[in-house]
Every structure is written in C-alpha cells, then in structure tokens.
C-alpha cells in the first residue's frame, strides 16, 4: 500500500483554484508531518498553513508562476537552526534534513487523501520570511502548494532509476 501511494504522488502544477480543501484533510496531512522522525527528535521546524487569499497572493510574489497562484493552500515549511541537532564531529546542521522528512510525510499523506502537492525550493526566501514576519533564526525552506488537480490535468510520466543504479551492497 505504501509503495502504491508513493508511486501515485507527483508534483502537481495544475490546481483547481475554485475547489477549497476540507479542513479535515489539511488536519490529517499536518498530523502525518508531526509523526515524522527528526534528529534526536528535536523537530526543529514550524509549518505555516496559508489559506488566506491575501497571504497566498503575497506568497505568489516569492515564486511568480501562474500555476502556483491557483493552489488554495500553501504550507511554508520553516527550519529553526538554533533548535536543530548538529553532528558533534563536524557541526553539520540537520534542520533541512528534518524539514525534508516531515514535508515528505506531508506530501505522501496528501496524495493518500486525493490532494496534490509540489515541492517549491526555488523561491525568494527573504521575501517569504518578511511576509510571514519570521524571526531571524527561522528560515523558510520549502513552499508546498496543496489542493485538488484541475480538470484535464495530465499526470506526468515519471522516470526513475532502477535499484541497481542506486544501491550498492557491500
């Protein structure tokens, strides 16, 4: 069942702007993000769930793609680097990794309940932080637009490497 959900999930770029997402579904996907593992279980992240039209419009200025503006929900996943685990021998900060794990849980849960999402990492993070009035130690890492697919949306064909190309047994 998990593999089926993982295979059906794709980056949706054609949202139905006129179909709101039910609060129960939003709550479910957020609960799934909350159970994600994180380094030393610190959960150094915070999610801003944007459904307000005015704030969604402002966030669109951070990315400026027509399809992005049609999403009725945008989750802004932020990392607090002061609360994250840093590997002792080299100081590597695991905040981005922890955010990525939680966002992956969120996107897979969204797919499970019939919602589409897309990871957006190429955005104006400083502008986003200003829109959300984030403190200096909280960084917006990824925008996750979420909603229903627009009528006529075509699911793209995925190309994935085989296990033989990705794994080495030693």
Protein backbone atom coordinates (compact mmCIF):
# COMPACT_ATOMS: atom_id res chain seq x y z
CA UNK A 1 0.00 0.00 0.00
CA UNK A 2 2.78 2.49 0.84
CA UNK A 3 4.52 1.85 -2.47
CA UNK A 4 1.26 2.50 -4.29
CA UNK A 5 0.83 5.89 -2.57
CA UNK A 6 4.46 6.77 -3.23
CA UNK A 7 4.06 5.87 -6.90
CA UNK A 8 0.83 7.86 -7.34
CA UNK A 9 2.29 11.04 -5.76
CA UNK A 10 3.65 13.54 -8.29
CA UNK A 11 4.38 17.26 -8.49
CA UNK A 12 1.03 18.85 -9.27
CA UNK A 13 1.26 22.07 -11.24
CA UNK A 14 -2.37 22.47 -12.30
CA UNK A 15 -4.56 23.18 -9.27
CA UNK A 16 -8.32 23.68 -9.23
CA UNK A 17 -8.40 27.22 -7.85
CA UNK A 18 -12.16 27.04 -7.24
CA UNK A 19 -12.15 23.92 -5.07
CA UNK A 20 -11.22 24.53 -1.44
CA UNK A 21 -9.50 21.85 0.61
CA UNK A 22 -11.51 20.48 3.51
CA UNK A 23 -10.11 21.30 6.96
CA UNK A 24 -10.24 17.61 7.91
CA UNK A 25 -7.83 16.79 5.09
CA UNK A 26 -5.50 19.63 5.99
CA UNK A 27 -5.51 18.46 9.62
CA UNK A 28 -4.76 14.88 8.54
CA UNK A 29 -1.74 15.78 6.40
CA UNK A 30 -0.38 18.03 9.17
CA UNK A 31 -0.78 15.23 11.71
CA UNK A 32 1.23 12.97 9.40
CA UNK A 33 4.00 15.58 9.23
CA UNK A 34 4.07 15.69 13.03
CA UNK A 35 4.90 11.99 13.33
CA UNK A 36 7.95 12.26 11.08
CA UNK A 37 11.25 11.35 12.69
CA UNK A 38 13.88 14.03 13.24
CA UNK A 39 17.44 14.03 14.53
CA UNK A 40 17.36 13.49 18.31
CA UNK A 41 13.58 14.03 17.98
CA UNK A 42 14.09 17.80 18.20
CA UNK A 43 11.58 18.62 15.45
CA UNK A 44 13.28 21.95 14.67
CA UNK A 45 10.59 23.10 12.28
CA UNK A 46 7.38 25.02 12.10
CA UNK A 47 4.75 24.92 9.36
CA UNK A 48 2.71 27.93 8.32
CA UNK A 49 -0.52 26.79 6.67
CA UNK A 50 -1.65 29.60 4.41
CA UNK A 51 -5.27 29.62 3.24
CA UNK A 52 -5.91 33.36 3.41
CA UNK A 53 -6.28 34.77 -0.12
CA UNK A 54 -4.30 37.91 0.65
CA UNK A 55 -1.34 35.98 2.08
CA UNK A 56 -1.47 33.43 -0.75
CA UNK A 57 -1.26 36.32 -3.23
CA UNK A 58 1.71 37.77 -1.36
CA UNK A 59 3.45 34.36 -1.36
CA UNK A 60 2.90 34.14 -5.10
CA UNK A 61 5.28 37.09 -5.34
CA UNK A 62 8.00 34.83 -3.90
CA UNK A 63 7.76 32.36 -6.79
CA UNK A 64 5.72 34.00 -9.58
CA UNK A 65 4.45 31.01 -11.50
CA UNK A 66 0.87 31.10 -12.76
CA UNK A 67 0.07 27.59 -11.57
CA UNK A 68 1.35 28.37 -8.05
CA UNK A 69 -1.25 31.12 -7.67
CA UNK A 70 -4.07 28.61 -8.22
CA UNK A 71 -3.30 26.47 -5.15
CA UNK A 72 -5.89 27.07 -2.41
CA UNK A 73 -3.41 26.12 0.33
CA UNK A 74 0.31 26.68 0.71
CA UNK A 75 2.31 25.14 3.51
CA UNK A 76 5.51 27.03 4.27
CA UNK A 77 7.92 24.64 6.00
CA UNK A 78 10.46 26.51 8.10
CA UNK A 79 13.58 25.42 9.97
CA UNK A 80 14.86 26.80 13.23
CA UNK A 81 18.60 26.24 13.05
CA UNK A 82 19.04 27.17 16.72
CA UNK A 83 16.88 24.19 17.75
CA UNK A 84 18.27 21.57 15.35
CA UNK A 85 20.75 18.83 16.05
CA UNK A 86 24.30 19.44 14.88
CA UNK A 87 26.57 16.45 14.37
CA UNK A 88 29.33 16.72 17.00
CA UNK A 89 32.34 15.78 14.88
CA UNK A 90 31.77 18.33 12.10
CA UNK A 91 28.84 20.53 13.19
CA UNK A 92 26.58 19.50 10.30
CA UNK A 93 23.15 21.06 10.84
CA UNK A 94 20.30 18.59 10.30
CA UNK A 95 17.43 21.11 10.20
CA UNK A 96 16.98 20.89 6.41
CA UNK A 97 17.02 17.09 6.56
CA UNK A 98 14.42 17.09 9.33
CA UNK A 99 12.21 19.50 7.37
CA UNK A 100 12.53 17.33 4.27
CA UNK A 101 11.44 14.20 6.14
CA UNK A 102 8.39 15.97 7.60
CA UNK A 103 7.45 17.50 4.23
CA UNK A 104 7.75 14.10 2.58
CA UNK A 105 5.32 12.69 5.14
CA UNK A 106 3.00 15.62 4.42
CA UNK A 107 3.10 15.19 0.63
CA UNK A 108 2.52 11.45 0.81
CA UNK A 109 -0.39 11.91 3.22
CA UNK A 110 -1.86 14.50 0.85
CA UNK A 111 -1.64 12.00 -2.02
CA UNK A 112 -3.35 9.39 0.15
CA UNK A 113 -6.40 11.67 0.61
CA UNK A 114 -6.59 12.77 -3.03
CA UNK A 115 -4.69 16.04 -2.82
CA UNK A 116 -1.82 17.17 -4.98
CA UNK A 117 1.34 18.96 -3.85
CA UNK A 118 4.58 20.23 -5.27
CA UNK A 119 7.92 20.92 -3.60
CA UNK A 120 8.97 24.50 -4.35
CA UNK A 121 12.52 25.26 -3.28
CA UNK A 122 13.39 27.96 -5.86
CA UNK A 123 11.69 30.93 -4.22
CA UNK A 124 12.61 34.24 -2.61
CA UNK A 125 13.14 33.09 0.98
CA UNK A 126 13.83 36.59 2.33
CA UNK A 127 10.59 37.92 0.87
CA UNK A 128 8.69 34.91 2.23
CA UNK A 129 10.17 35.47 5.70
CA UNK A 130 9.11 39.11 5.59
CA UNK A 131 5.54 38.21 4.53
CA UNK A 132 5.22 35.78 7.45
CA UNK A 133 7.10 38.08 9.88
CA UNK A 134 9.56 35.31 10.75
CA UNK A 135 12.24 35.85 13.37
CA UNK A 136 15.83 35.88 12.08
CA UNK A 137 16.58 32.34 13.28
CA UNK A 138 13.64 30.78 11.39
CA UNK A 139 14.26 30.05 7.71
CA UNK A 140 11.58 29.18 5.14
CA UNK A 141 12.97 26.04 3.48
CA UNK A 142 10.23 24.89 1.12
CA UNK A 143 6.83 26.02 -0.11
CA UNK A 144 4.28 23.25 -0.58
CA UNK A 145 1.24 24.34 -2.59
CA UNK A 146 -1.61 21.91 -1.98
CA UNK A 147 -5.02 21.30 -3.46
CA UNK A 148 -7.07 19.33 -5.93
CA UNK A 149 -5.95 18.77 -9.51
CA UNK A 150 -7.62 20.94 -12.13
CA UNK A 151 -9.93 19.30 -14.65
CA UNK A 152 -7.94 18.00 -17.57
CA UNK A 153 -4.73 17.75 -15.55
CA UNK A 154 -2.36 15.22 -17.08
CA UNK A 155 -0.29 13.14 -14.68
CA UNK A 156 3.31 13.26 -15.91
CA UNK A 157 5.26 10.11 -16.63
CA UNK A 158 7.93 9.59 -14.01
CA UNK A 159 11.41 8.44 -14.91
CA UNK A 160 13.19 6.78 -12.03
CA UNK A 161 16.49 4.98 -11.84
CA UNK A 162 16.42 1.28 -11.09
CA UNK A 163 17.52 -0.10 -7.71
CA UNK A 164 20.62 -1.49 -9.42
CA UNK A 165 21.62 2.06 -10.37
CA UNK A 166 21.02 3.49 -6.90
CA UNK A 167 22.14 0.82 -4.44
CA UNK A 168 25.43 -0.93 -3.80
CA UNK A 169 25.57 -3.88 -1.48
CA UNK A 170 28.90 -4.16 0.29
